[in-house]
Protein backbone atom coordinates (compact mmCIF):
# COMPACT_ATOMS: atom_id res chain seq x y z
CA MET A 1 23.76 -3.76 -15.95
CA LYS A 2 20.53 -5.72 -16.07
CA TRP A 3 18.87 -7.75 -13.40
CA SER A 4 17.12 -10.87 -14.09
CA SER A 5 14.73 -12.92 -11.83
CA GLY A 6 17.59 -15.22 -11.17
CA LEU A 7 19.66 -12.55 -9.61
CA LEU A 8 16.68 -11.56 -7.39
CA ILE A 9 16.45 -15.25 -6.15
CA ALA A 10 20.20 -15.43 -5.56
CA LEU A 11 19.90 -12.18 -3.40
CA PHE A 12 17.23 -13.79 -1.51
CA LEU A 13 19.04 -17.04 -0.81
CA ALA A 14 22.32 -15.14 0.12
CA ALA A 15 20.31 -12.90 2.65
CA SER A 16 18.86 -16.24 4.11
CA LEU A 17 22.42 -17.52 4.62
CA ALA A 18 23.71 -14.40 6.09
CA LEU A 19 20.86 -13.83 8.58
CA ALA A 20 20.21 -17.46 9.45
CA SER A 21 22.25 -17.27 12.57
CA GLU A 22 19.79 -14.72 14.31
CA ALA A 23 18.15 -16.27 17.24
CA ASP A 24 14.34 -16.83 16.80
CA GLY A 25 12.12 -14.08 18.35
CA ALA A 26 8.63 -13.64 19.44
CA ASP A 27 5.77 -14.60 17.28
CA GLY A 28 4.04 -12.03 15.07
CA GLN A 29 2.60 -11.76 11.65
CA PHE A 30 5.06 -10.45 8.96
CA LEU A 31 3.44 -10.85 5.52
CA GLY A 32 1.83 -7.74 4.12
CA GLY A 33 1.87 -4.13 4.70
CA PRO A 34 -0.56 -1.59 6.02
CA THR A 35 -2.88 -1.85 3.07
CA SER A 36 -3.02 -5.64 3.49
CA VAL A 37 -6.27 -7.37 4.73
CA GLY A 38 -4.53 -8.75 7.87
CA LYS A 39 -3.36 -5.29 9.09
CA GLU A 40 -6.69 -3.67 8.28
CA LEU A 41 -8.63 -6.36 10.35
CA GLU A 42 -6.18 -5.82 13.15
CA GLU A 43 -7.00 -2.04 13.25
CA ALA A 44 -10.86 -2.72 12.75
CA GLY A 45 -10.75 -4.93 15.87
CA GLU A 46 -8.94 -2.20 17.74
CA VAL A 47 -11.63 0.19 16.80
CA ASP A 48 -14.46 -2.20 17.58
CA SER A 49 -13.40 -2.84 21.02
CA VAL A 50 -14.31 0.75 22.01
CA SER A 51 -16.98 1.46 19.43
CA VAL A 52 -20.40 2.80 20.32
CA TRP A 53 -21.90 -0.07 18.45
CA SER A 54 -19.50 -2.62 19.32
CA LEU A 55 -19.68 -6.11 17.81
CA GLY A 56 -16.63 -7.37 19.49
CA GLU A 57 -18.25 -10.38 21.08
CA PHE A 58 -19.81 -11.35 17.83
CA ARG A 59 -16.45 -11.09 15.91
CA ALA A 60 -14.79 -13.00 18.73
CA ARG A 61 -17.24 -15.81 18.30
CA LEU A 62 -16.68 -15.92 14.69
CA ILE A 63 -12.87 -16.19 15.05
CA GLU A 64 -13.19 -18.63 17.77
CA ARG A 65 -15.85 -21.12 16.26
CA TYR A 66 -14.93 -20.64 12.61
CA GLY A 67 -11.63 -18.95 12.26
CA LEU A 68 -13.21 -16.19 10.31
CA ALA A 69 -12.38 -12.47 10.85
CA VAL A 70 -14.36 -10.03 8.76
CA SER A 71 -14.81 -6.20 8.38
CA ALA A 72 -16.72 -3.79 6.28
CA ASP A 73 -16.32 0.14 5.65
CA TYR A 74 -17.38 2.85 3.48
CA ALA A 75 -15.26 5.92 2.49
CA THR A 76 -15.94 8.99 0.55
CA LEU A 77 -13.57 11.66 -0.74
CA TYR A 78 -14.24 15.15 -2.15
CA GLN A 79 -11.48 17.17 -3.79
CA TYR A 80 -11.26 20.62 -5.21
CA ALA A 81 -8.52 22.15 -7.06
CA ASP A 82 -7.74 25.90 -7.71
CA ASP A 83 -6.60 25.29 -11.24
CA SER A 84 -6.92 22.73 -14.01
CA LEU A 85 -5.71 21.83 -17.49
CA THR A 86 -9.13 20.96 -18.76
CA GLY A 87 -11.54 22.82 -16.60
CA ALA A 88 -12.49 19.82 -14.60
CA ASP A 89 -11.45 20.83 -10.99
CA THR A 90 -13.78 18.79 -8.59
CA GLY A 91 -14.17 15.15 -7.71
CA LEU A 92 -16.45 13.18 -5.23
CA GLY A 93 -16.29 9.37 -4.95
CA GLY A 94 -17.00 6.49 -2.70
CA VAL A 95 -15.57 3.08 -1.88
CA LEU A 96 -17.43 0.35 -0.14
CA ARG A 97 -15.25 -2.58 1.05
CA LEU A 98 -15.76 -6.08 2.50
CA TYR A 99 -12.81 -7.92 3.51
CA GLY A 100 -11.81 -10.86 5.69
CA ARG A 101 -9.58 -13.84 6.49
CA TRP A 102 -10.64 -17.39 6.96
CA THR A 103 -8.33 -19.73 8.74
CA LEU A 104 -9.25 -23.18 7.45
CA VAL A 105 -6.18 -25.16 8.46
CA GLY A 106 -4.19 -25.55 11.72
CA ARG A 107 -6.14 -22.94 13.88
CA GLY A 108 -4.22 -22.48 17.03
CA THR A 109 -0.94 -23.84 15.65
CA GLY A 110 2.02 -22.38 13.99
CA HIS A 111 1.24 -23.74 10.50
CA THR A 112 -2.16 -22.10 9.66
CA GLY A 113 -3.64 -22.00 6.29
CA THR A 114 -6.00 -18.98 5.59
CA LEU A 115 -8.02 -17.67 2.73
CA VAL A 116 -7.65 -13.99 2.25
CA ALA A 117 -10.13 -11.94 0.24
CA LYS A 118 -11.53 -8.48 -0.31
CA VAL A 119 -14.42 -7.04 -2.56
CA GLU A 120 -14.70 -3.32 -3.43
CA TYR A 121 -17.19 -1.13 -5.02
CA ARG A 122 -15.52 2.06 -6.25
CA HIS A 123 -17.81 4.60 -7.81
CA HIS A 124 -18.13 8.43 -8.84
CA LEU A 125 -20.84 10.26 -6.76
CA SER A 126 -20.61 13.80 -8.02
CA GLY A 127 -18.20 16.59 -9.27
CA ASP A 128 -16.46 16.37 -12.65
CA VAL A 129 -14.77 13.03 -12.10
CA ALA A 130 -13.92 10.60 -9.45
CA PRO A 131 -10.99 11.76 -7.43
CA GLY A 132 -8.87 8.93 -8.53
CA HIS A 133 -9.06 10.27 -12.16
CA LEU A 134 -8.68 14.07 -11.14
CA ALA A 135 -4.76 14.31 -11.58
CA PRO A 136 -4.91 14.15 -15.47
CA GLU A 137 -7.34 16.86 -15.45
CA LEU A 138 -4.91 19.06 -13.35
CA GLY A 139 -1.88 18.08 -15.64
CA TYR A 140 -0.33 16.32 -12.68
CA HIS A 141 1.57 13.13 -13.44
CA GLY A 142 0.62 10.77 -10.49
CA GLY A 143 -2.38 10.10 -8.35
CA VAL A 144 -3.98 12.80 -6.01
CA GLY A 145 -7.04 10.69 -4.90
CA PHE A 146 -5.32 7.20 -4.73
CA GLY A 147 -8.11 4.37 -4.75
CA PHE A 148 -11.11 6.67 -5.23
CA THR A 149 -11.81 5.66 -9.03
CA ASP A 150 -15.07 4.71 -10.59
CA VAL A 151 -14.33 1.19 -11.71
CA GLY A 152 -17.33 -0.45 -10.07
CA VAL A 153 -17.35 -3.84 -8.34
CA PHE A 154 -14.20 -5.99 -8.47
CA LEU A 155 -12.46 -8.80 -6.54
CA ALA A 156 -9.42 -7.33 -4.93
CA PRO A 157 -6.87 -9.72 -3.37
CA LEU A 158 -7.92 -13.44 -3.13
CA TYR A 159 -5.24 -15.72 -2.22
CA TRP A 160 -4.16 -18.48 0.16
CA GLU A 161 -1.61 -17.69 3.03
CA GLN A 162 0.12 -20.79 4.57
CA PHE A 163 2.52 -20.72 7.39
CA PHE A 164 5.17 -23.51 8.28
CA ALA A 165 7.97 -23.94 10.82
CA ASP A 166 6.00 -22.81 13.75
CA GLY A 167 5.21 -19.58 11.71
CA HIS A 168 8.57 -18.50 10.64
CA LEU A 169 8.09 -19.44 7.02
CA GLY A 170 5.17 -18.03 5.13
CA VAL A 171 3.75 -18.45 1.54
CA VAL A 172 1.19 -16.63 -0.41
CA ALA A 173 -0.35 -17.51 -3.85
CA GLY A 174 -3.29 -16.34 -5.74
CA ARG A 175 -4.57 -12.95 -6.86
CA LEU A 176 -2.20 -10.42 -5.11
CA ASP A 177 -1.78 -6.74 -4.91
CA PRO A 178 1.90 -6.11 -5.23
CA ILE A 179 1.76 -2.87 -3.07
CA ASP A 180 0.89 -5.10 -0.14
CA PHE A 181 4.31 -6.66 -0.29
CA THR A 182 6.63 -4.16 -2.01
CA ASP A 183 8.68 -1.44 -0.25
CA ILE A 184 6.39 -1.40 2.69
CA LEU A 185 6.22 1.84 4.83
CA GLY A 186 4.18 2.34 7.87
CA VAL A 187 2.40 5.57 6.78
CA GLY A 188 -1.10 3.95 6.69
CA ASN A 189 -3.15 4.00 3.55
CA GLN A 190 -5.47 5.87 1.47
CA TRP A 191 -8.48 5.24 3.54
CA SER A 192 -6.88 6.60 6.81
CA SER A 193 -3.96 8.77 6.04
CA PHE A 194 -2.35 10.48 2.88
CA GLN A 195 -4.25 10.67 -0.53
CA ASN A 196 -1.34 11.20 -2.84
CA ALA A 197 0.42 8.30 -4.47
CA ALA A 198 3.80 9.76 -3.99
CA VAL A 199 3.45 9.31 -0.26
CA LEU A 200 1.62 5.99 -0.16
CA SER A 201 3.63 4.24 -2.69
CA ASN A 202 7.16 4.52 -4.42
CA MET A 203 6.49 5.69 -7.99
CA SER A 204 10.11 4.63 -8.99
CA ILE A 205 8.87 1.02 -8.66
CA ALA A 206 6.87 -0.38 -11.65
CA ALA A 207 4.45 -2.30 -9.51
CA PRO A 208 1.73 -3.81 -11.61
CA ASP A 209 -1.77 -3.98 -10.95
CA LEU A 210 -3.78 -6.74 -9.10
CA GLY A 211 -2.92 -10.13 -10.72
CA CYS A 212 -1.81 -13.66 -10.22
CA GLY A 213 1.24 -13.94 -8.18
CA ALA A 214 3.09 -15.90 -5.34
CA GLY A 215 5.68 -15.19 -2.71
CA VAL A 216 7.60 -16.51 0.22
CA GLY A 217 8.85 -15.00 3.32
CA PHE A 218 11.21 -15.96 6.13
CA LYS A 219 10.94 -14.66 9.79
CA LEU A 220 14.74 -15.32 10.50
CA SER A 221 14.20 -13.72 13.98
CA ASP A 222 11.82 -11.27 15.74
CA ARG A 223 13.89 -8.52 14.11
CA TRP A 224 14.86 -9.78 10.58
CA VAL A 225 12.47 -10.72 7.84
CA ILE A 226 13.28 -11.55 4.13
CA GLY A 227 11.01 -12.23 1.34
CA THR A 228 10.35 -12.29 -2.36
CA THR A 229 7.39 -12.28 -4.67
CA ALA A 230 6.61 -12.60 -8.26
CA HIS A 231 3.50 -11.09 -10.05
CA ASP A 232 1.92 -10.99 -13.52
CA ALA A 233 3.26 -7.83 -14.94
CA ASN A 234 0.12 -7.44 -17.22
CA GLY A 235 -2.36 -7.86 -14.32
CA GLU A 236 -5.59 -5.71 -14.30
CA GLN A 237 -7.67 -4.64 -11.33
CA THR A 238 -11.03 -5.37 -13.00
CA GLU A 239 -10.12 -8.50 -14.90
CA PHE A 240 -9.51 -11.92 -13.55
CA ASN A 241 -7.02 -13.02 -16.10
CA CYS A 242 -3.69 -15.01 -15.33
CA PHE A 243 -0.57 -14.27 -17.47
CA GLU A 244 -2.70 -13.78 -20.49
CA GLY A 245 -0.76 -13.80 -23.85
CA SER A 246 2.64 -14.32 -22.39
CA LEU A 247 4.54 -14.82 -19.07
CA ARG A 248 5.70 -11.34 -18.15
CA LEU A 249 6.82 -10.95 -14.54
CA PHE A 250 7.42 -8.19 -11.76
CA GLU A 251 9.66 -9.69 -9.15
CA GLN A 252 10.96 -8.09 -6.01
CA ALA A 253 13.11 -9.28 -3.08
CA HIS A 254 13.45 -7.43 0.28
CA VAL A 255 14.86 -7.39 3.65
CA SER A 256 13.53 -5.65 6.61
CA TRP A 257 14.49 -5.01 10.38
CA ALA A 258 12.50 -3.90 13.16
CA PRO A 259 13.05 -4.15 16.95
CA THR A 260 10.24 -6.71 17.22
CA ARG A 261 7.69 -8.05 14.64
CA SER A 262 5.04 -6.29 16.65
CA ARG A 263 6.55 -2.83 15.72
CA ARG A 264 7.01 -3.75 12.01
CA PHE A 265 4.90 -0.67 10.90
CA THR A 266 6.05 1.93 13.63
CA ASN A 267 9.85 1.14 13.76
CA ALA A 268 11.49 -0.42 10.90
CA LEU A 269 14.10 -0.35 7.91
CA ARG A 270 13.82 -1.86 4.50
CA LEU A 271 15.70 -2.54 1.51
CA THR A 272 13.98 -3.74 -1.91
CA LEU A 273 15.43 -4.71 -5.23
CA TRP A 274 12.95 -5.22 -8.17
CA HIS A 275 12.80 -6.15 -11.82
CA GLN A 276 9.97 -6.19 -14.48
CA ASP A 277 10.14 -8.03 -17.74
CA GLU A 278 9.88 -6.15 -21.07
CA ARG A 279 6.13 -5.70 -22.00
CA PRO A 280 5.96 -5.45 -25.78
CA SER A 281 2.10 -5.26 -25.89
CA SER A 282 2.50 -1.99 -23.80
CA GLY A 283 5.62 -0.63 -25.32
CA LEU A 284 7.63 -0.89 -22.18
CA GLU A 285 11.19 -2.00 -21.86
CA GLU A 286 12.97 -4.11 -19.22
CA SER A 287 13.01 -2.15 -15.95
CA TYR A 288 14.65 -2.46 -12.54
CA GLY A 289 15.54 -0.64 -9.44
CA VAL A 290 16.38 -0.32 -5.94
CA ALA A 291 14.38 1.23 -3.03
CA THR A 292 14.87 1.88 0.49
CA SER A 293 12.45 3.18 3.32
CA ALA A 294 12.40 3.70 7.03
CA ASN A 295 10.16 4.99 9.80
CA TRP A 296 10.63 5.37 13.42
CA THR A 297 8.17 6.19 16.23
CA ILE A 298 9.43 8.44 18.99
CA ASN A 299 7.86 8.53 22.47
CA GLU A 300 4.73 6.78 20.91
CA ARG A 301 3.81 10.09 19.36
CA TRP A 302 6.00 11.28 16.51
CA MET A 303 6.87 9.06 13.38
CA PRO A 304 9.22 10.62 10.88
CA PHE A 305 9.51 8.60 7.61
CA PHE A 306 11.76 8.45 4.65
CA ARG A 307 11.46 6.72 1.13
CA TRP A 308 13.93 6.67 -1.77
CA GLY A 309 13.82 4.96 -5.03
CA LEU A 310 16.08 4.84 -8.24
CA SER A 311 15.27 2.88 -11.31
CA GLU A 312 16.29 2.23 -14.83
CA GLY A 313 13.84 1.69 -17.76
CA ASP A 314 10.54 3.30 -18.77
CA ALA A 315 7.95 1.30 -16.79
CA PRO A 316 7.85 3.18 -13.57
CA ALA A 317 6.53 6.68 -13.55
CA ALA A 318 9.55 8.03 -11.89
CA ARG A 319 13.24 7.41 -12.47
CA GLN A 320 14.00 8.67 -8.94
CA GLN A 321 11.76 9.53 -5.97
CA LEU A 322 12.53 10.88 -2.64
CA THR A 323 9.70 11.25 0.02
CA THR A 324 9.96 12.32 3.63
CA GLY A 325 7.62 13.53 6.32
CA VAL A 326 6.16 13.00 9.79
CA MET A 327 3.02 11.71 11.51
CA LEU A 328 1.91 12.56 14.87
CA ASN A 329 -0.39 10.81 17.11
CA VAL A 330 -2.28 13.62 18.85
CA PRO A 331 -1.84 13.52 22.78
CA GLY A 332 -4.98 12.51 24.52
CA ARG A 333 -6.89 11.74 21.44
CA SER A 334 -7.05 9.07 18.71
CA ASP A 335 -6.55 11.79 16.01
CA GLN A 336 -3.61 11.84 13.71
CA LEU A 337 -1.69 14.60 11.97
CA GLY A 338 0.39 13.83 8.91
CA VAL A 339 2.77 15.92 6.78
CA GLY A 340 4.60 14.39 3.68
CA ALA A 341 6.71 15.98 0.90
CA TRP A 342 8.12 14.51 -2.30
CA TRP A 343 10.38 14.96 -5.25
CA GLN A 344 10.27 13.06 -8.55
CA ASP A 345 12.50 12.74 -11.46
CA LEU A 346 9.97 11.37 -13.98
CA SER A 347 10.90 8.70 -16.25
CA HIS A 348 9.68 10.29 -19.51
CA ARG A 349 12.49 12.22 -20.97
CA ASP A 350 10.15 15.05 -22.11
CA LEU A 351 8.71 15.55 -18.68
CA HIS A 352 10.40 17.76 -16.02
CA ASP A 353 10.68 17.12 -12.26
CA GLN A 354 7.78 17.33 -9.94
CA SER A 355 7.54 18.06 -6.31
CA GLY A 356 4.69 18.49 -3.69
CA MET A 357 3.39 18.46 -0.29
CA GLU A 358 0.30 17.01 1.51
CA VAL A 359 -0.91 17.71 5.02
CA PHE A 360 -3.82 15.93 6.59
CA TYR A 361 -5.59 15.86 9.97
CA ARG A 362 -7.73 12.70 10.85
CA TRP A 363 -10.50 13.55 13.33
CA GLU A 364 -12.05 10.59 15.05
CA VAL A 365 -15.57 11.93 15.71
CA ILE A 366 -16.36 8.56 17.32
CA PRO A 367 -14.41 5.33 17.29
CA ASN A 368 -16.22 4.12 14.10
CA LEU A 369 -16.36 7.34 12.17
CA ALA A 370 -13.30 9.55 11.04
CA ILE A 371 -13.42 12.82 9.05
CA THR A 372 -10.14 13.94 7.38
CA PRO A 373 -9.59 17.37 5.69
CA SER A 374 -6.37 17.71 3.68
CA ILE A 375 -4.51 20.02 1.52
CA GLN A 376 -1.97 19.11 -1.34
CA LEU A 377 0.46 21.49 -2.99
CA LEU A 378 1.37 20.38 -6.52
CA ASN A 379 4.48 22.21 -7.71
CA ASP A 380 5.24 22.56 -11.35
CA PRO A 381 2.81 19.83 -12.62
CA ALA A 382 4.56 18.08 -15.27
CA LEU A 383 1.65 18.00 -17.81
CA ASN A 384 0.49 21.57 -17.13
CA PRO A 385 3.03 24.04 -18.48
CA ASP A 386 0.80 27.01 -17.35
CA ALA A 387 0.64 26.15 -13.58
CA ASP A 388 3.38 26.82 -11.22
CA ARG A 389 1.57 25.28 -8.34
CA ILE A 390 -1.91 23.84 -7.85
CA ILE A 391 -3.64 23.85 -4.41
CA LEU A 392 -5.88 20.89 -3.85
CA LEU A 393 -8.24 20.63 -1.04
CA GLY A 394 -9.59 17.39 0.26
CA LEU A 395 -12.31 16.09 2.70
CA ARG A 396 -12.57 12.44 3.44
CA ALA A 397 -15.04 10.49 5.53
CA ARG A 398 -14.94 6.97 6.78
CA VAL A 399 -17.15 4.86 8.67
CA LEU A 400 -16.42 1.33 9.92
CA PHE A 401 -19.47 -0.81 10.11
CA PHE A 402 -17.82 -3.79 11.88
């Protein structure tokens, strides 16, 4: 069985007809996940309101007068492994980010038009390699320091977001990060929660890098949202090319349910179908798959989560992945504890299964500064036949400037 982009579109339209009878609910943003600019600006505003160097009034004036919401932060990550395939066992890197949303059309209405942008500077500070490049040195097939690479300065997402129908229909187009829209799970992101890619994303999905793309989403009610996006399958993080050479696409369609849109990251169920065209230039065959994820917050404290994916084709890193865990909002504090575990059936036929676990504790020293120690247990790393288990210690610090 092979899925084409036409089938994904058919699924999307069928879901629209099936769910259109739902009553409209309360307003609420519904495009993008925990790593999207909109969500990160929302969190930055919450921190800034109680910050020791609060710029809340200045930020509010920018939004009121110009429709401009901006934020900047800097994060560092140090990692040390007790074993290595190559002898390189340490990494220290940093990431400086500036990101914002500029609403240029329809401010105060349900049909806003917004320019969304982010610029990042990712660099190696010390140690053997940047943490984002440490996994191959350990013989682990995946990512252990997600995002902390040494690629330098690059333009991350740059796209236009347009809402219609009193905010119930949303369209995005431009330079998109597929992870912001695909198999969304409310476990946070690499700057504030876990570091291993197996928890932060679904490795059974062949999501490409940043690149040209477009998508549409329908908020059918305050509970139900459906959407679909298409991306350049050959996108590159540090290049600003658009479908260079040939038109090869990664497409996904999803449906999600939450009690209200305001709880879309804390209490939600999701189903995703995806497809990627054959990529002869990279030697990858046509691939497709299904994924599902869920997380549910109990008593505003505990949030168990679950993610599963199954795929066909050699484009994704894993043929099957199962991830589960729990996050705890520490009572009486802004701190957070997270525990995640995963198992992967890797796509390459010569590689055996991998599994692992990660535990982190994010300590908010002050509202604008968080320090996060972590430990990862990498069981039977697929590319290191001499290691049964690798222990990886991490220490991350993040400061929010505004």
